[in-house]
Amino acid sequence: MKVTRRTMIAGALAVPTVAGLARWRWQHGSHTGLVHDGSLAAGRRFAEAGSAAGRASMEVHGDRIRFARDLVATAPSLIAGVTRQADAVLIADVAAEAGYVLAAELSGNDAGCSGNTCQSGLVALTRMAVGAGGMWAEAFATWAANPQGQVLPEPASGGWFTDREMALGWLLVPRG
């Protein structure tokens, strides 16, 4: 994604709008769906940070298609997760059938995090996760647990984590 002054300003202004979720709440629930892969260190950290922020994360288990269908059946206002790519693709496909689109994708590895894909309104979220370095999963979970009116969290000082395996952070939102 090419970053220009216009997209940078739009991203900075749009995150609170996306965070408020006002337009989505009448169609979708007011809760967020957090999902993690417990076999990934980043997934476990995502779940712990989500719990600390007041939102439990569901561990991906069993039949992935059934898992994803049960998840979207609750009509969350957004779905955020840290999983392997295969699980992210399956969950996104099922969620697409229910009206969700991929809004952001973050790649986490031993170098920290890089923003691969993001809608223009989520540039600031992607920058926050990338800026958090090795604590990207925690920063992403803290935001996703309660995005309504929340200011993006500051990266925590110290505690740099390395993720030896490839972890993918992703955010699904209802089609607008």
Protein backbone atom coordinates (compact mmCIF):
# COMPACT_ATOMS: atom_id res chain seq x y z
CA MET A 1 0.00 0.00 0.00
CA LYS A 2 1.38 3.35 -0.99
CA VAL A 3 1.46 5.76 1.93
CA THR A 4 0.65 9.36 1.09
CA ARG A 5 -0.20 12.37 3.21
CA ARG A 6 -3.89 11.82 2.43
CA THR A 7 -3.92 8.11 3.41
CA MET A 8 -1.86 8.85 6.51
CA ILE A 9 -4.31 11.53 7.68
CA ALA A 10 -7.30 9.39 6.70
CA GLY A 11 -5.84 6.46 8.64
CA ALA A 12 -5.23 8.54 11.73
CA LEU A 13 -8.75 9.94 11.64
CA ALA A 14 -10.54 6.74 10.68
CA VAL A 15 -9.30 4.45 13.45
CA PRO A 16 -11.55 6.11 16.06
CA THR A 17 -14.46 5.78 13.60
CA VAL A 18 -13.73 2.09 13.08
CA ALA A 19 -13.08 1.76 16.79
CA GLY A 20 -16.50 3.23 17.61
CA LEU A 21 -18.26 0.66 15.45
CA ALA A 22 -21.42 2.77 15.65
CA ARG A 23 -22.70 1.90 12.20
CA TRP A 24 -22.09 -1.83 12.69
CA ARG A 25 -23.68 -2.20 16.10
CA TRP A 26 -27.27 -2.15 14.86
CA GLN A 27 -26.51 -5.01 12.47
CA HIS A 28 -23.94 -6.90 14.51
CA GLY A 29 -23.37 -7.61 18.15
CA SER A 30 -21.41 -5.26 20.30
CA HIS A 31 -18.87 -7.92 21.21
CA THR A 32 -15.64 -8.72 19.45
CA GLY A 33 -14.49 -12.21 18.55
CA LEU A 34 -10.89 -12.98 19.48
CA VAL A 35 -9.31 -16.15 18.09
CA HIS A 36 -5.89 -17.66 18.66
CA ASP A 37 -3.75 -20.69 17.89
CA GLY A 38 -2.54 -22.05 21.22
CA SER A 39 0.41 -23.80 19.57
CA LEU A 40 1.92 -20.42 18.60
CA ALA A 41 3.73 -18.31 21.18
CA ALA A 42 2.23 -15.17 19.61
CA GLY A 43 -1.21 -16.79 19.77
CA ARG A 44 -0.87 -17.52 23.48
CA ARG A 45 0.35 -13.97 24.15
CA PHE A 46 -2.57 -12.59 22.11
CA ALA A 47 -5.01 -14.62 24.23
CA GLU A 48 -3.41 -13.52 27.51
CA ALA A 49 -3.44 -9.85 26.51
CA GLY A 50 -7.05 -10.10 25.34
CA SER A 51 -8.02 -11.66 28.66
CA ALA A 52 -6.17 -8.96 30.56
CA ALA A 53 -8.11 -6.37 28.55
CA GLY A 54 -11.40 -8.05 29.43
CA ARG A 55 -12.11 -10.21 26.38
CA ALA A 56 -11.53 -13.96 26.29
CA SER A 57 -10.03 -15.42 23.13
CA MET A 58 -11.23 -18.70 21.66
CA GLU A 59 -8.58 -21.24 20.77
CA VAL A 60 -8.94 -22.67 17.28
CA HIS A 61 -9.88 -26.32 17.68
CA GLY A 62 -11.50 -29.26 15.94
CA ASP A 63 -13.13 -28.84 12.56
CA ARG A 64 -12.03 -25.38 11.42
CA ILE A 65 -15.09 -24.81 9.24
CA ARG A 66 -17.51 -25.67 12.05
CA PHE A 67 -15.44 -23.56 14.44
CA ALA A 68 -15.63 -20.56 12.08
CA ARG A 69 -19.37 -21.01 11.50
CA ASP A 70 -20.01 -21.06 15.25
CA LEU A 71 -17.87 -17.93 15.61
CA VAL A 72 -19.68 -15.88 12.95
CA ALA A 73 -23.07 -17.12 14.18
CA THR A 74 -22.56 -14.89 17.24
CA ALA A 75 -22.34 -11.87 14.86
CA PRO A 76 -19.35 -10.14 16.44
CA SER A 77 -18.72 -6.53 15.48
CA LEU A 78 -15.20 -7.58 14.48
CA ILE A 79 -13.12 -10.74 14.52
CA ALA A 80 -9.41 -10.56 15.31
CA GLY A 81 -6.98 -13.41 15.56
CA VAL A 82 -3.42 -14.65 15.65
CA THR A 83 -3.15 -18.01 13.92
CA ARG A 84 -1.31 -19.82 11.19
CA GLN A 85 -2.11 -18.72 7.65
CA ALA A 86 -4.15 -21.83 6.80
CA ASP A 87 -6.53 -21.22 9.72
CA ALA A 88 -6.78 -17.52 8.89
CA VAL A 89 -7.75 -18.34 5.29
CA LEU A 90 -10.41 -20.87 6.33
CA ILE A 91 -11.93 -18.57 8.95
CA ALA A 92 -11.91 -15.63 6.51
CA ASP A 93 -13.64 -17.72 3.83
CA VAL A 94 -16.42 -18.76 6.19
CA ALA A 95 -16.71 -15.22 7.56
CA ALA A 96 -16.95 -13.85 4.00
CA GLU A 97 -20.09 -15.92 3.50
CA ALA A 98 -21.51 -14.17 6.57
CA GLY A 99 -20.60 -10.70 5.26
CA TYR A 100 -17.13 -10.05 6.71
CA VAL A 101 -14.08 -8.76 4.84
CA LEU A 102 -10.38 -8.79 5.64
CA ALA A 103 -9.47 -5.35 6.97
CA ALA A 104 -5.90 -5.90 8.19
CA GLU A 105 -3.23 -8.57 8.13
CA LEU A 106 -0.02 -8.60 10.15
CA SER A 107 2.91 -10.98 9.77
CA GLY A 108 4.75 -11.76 12.99
CA ASN A 109 8.10 -13.51 13.19
CA ASP A 110 11.40 -13.22 15.04
CA ALA A 111 11.89 -9.72 13.60
CA GLY A 112 8.64 -8.45 15.15
CA CYS A 113 5.72 -7.61 12.91
CA SER A 114 5.09 -6.18 9.48
CA GLY A 115 1.84 -4.84 8.11
CA ASN A 116 0.95 -6.68 4.92
CA THR A 117 -2.58 -5.58 4.17
CA CYS A 118 -4.82 -2.98 5.65
CA GLN A 119 -7.80 -0.88 4.70
CA SER A 120 -7.00 2.82 4.69
CA GLY A 121 -8.95 3.38 7.92
CA LEU A 122 -6.68 0.96 9.77
CA VAL A 123 -3.25 2.30 8.85
CA ALA A 124 -2.78 3.63 12.40
CA LEU A 125 -3.63 0.20 13.85
CA THR A 126 -1.08 -1.47 11.58
CA ARG A 127 1.56 1.11 12.50
CA MET A 128 0.86 0.52 16.19
CA ALA A 129 1.35 -3.24 15.80
CA VAL A 130 4.53 -2.81 13.76
CA GLY A 131 5.82 -0.22 16.24
CA ALA A 132 5.23 -2.62 19.12
CA GLY A 133 7.92 -4.87 17.66
CA GLY A 134 8.10 -8.14 19.51
CA MET A 135 5.01 -7.20 21.54
CA TRP A 136 2.81 -6.85 18.45
CA ALA A 137 0.41 -9.64 19.47
CA GLU A 138 -0.22 -8.01 22.85
CA ALA A 139 -0.79 -4.56 21.32
CA PHE A 140 -3.15 -6.03 18.70
CA ALA A 141 -5.13 -7.98 21.32
CA THR A 142 -5.42 -4.98 23.64
CA TRP A 143 -6.93 -2.92 20.84
CA ALA A 144 -9.16 -5.71 19.50
CA ALA A 145 -10.54 -6.58 22.95
CA ASN A 146 -12.22 -3.20 23.24
CA PRO A 147 -11.84 -1.00 20.18
CA GLN A 148 -14.79 1.25 21.03
CA GLY A 149 -13.36 4.68 21.63
CA GLN A 150 -10.05 3.20 22.77
CA VAL A 151 -6.83 5.00 22.06
CA LEU A 152 -4.25 2.74 20.47
CA PRO A 153 -2.01 1.32 23.18
CA GLU A 154 1.58 2.40 23.54
CA PRO A 155 4.18 -0.30 23.00
CA ALA A 156 5.24 -1.79 26.32
CA SER A 157 8.78 -1.07 27.39
CA GLY A 158 11.03 -4.10 27.56
CA GLY A 159 9.91 -7.66 27.12
CA TRP A 160 10.77 -8.22 23.45
CA PHE A 161 9.41 -11.57 22.32
CA THR A 162 10.59 -13.54 19.34
CA ASP A 163 8.23 -15.73 17.40
CA ARG A 164 10.24 -18.50 15.79
CA GLU A 165 7.25 -19.69 13.81
CA MET A 166 5.23 -17.63 11.36
CA ALA A 167 2.20 -16.14 13.07
CA LEU A 168 -0.43 -14.19 11.20
CA GLY A 169 -2.49 -11.48 12.86
CA TRP A 170 -5.71 -10.66 11.03
CA LEU A 171 -8.81 -8.54 11.44
CA LEU A 172 -12.20 -9.19 9.85
CA VAL A 173 -14.94 -6.55 9.85
CA PRO A 174 -18.50 -6.58 8.51
CA ARG A 175 -18.77 -5.50 4.89
CA GLY A 176 -19.70 -1.82 4.90
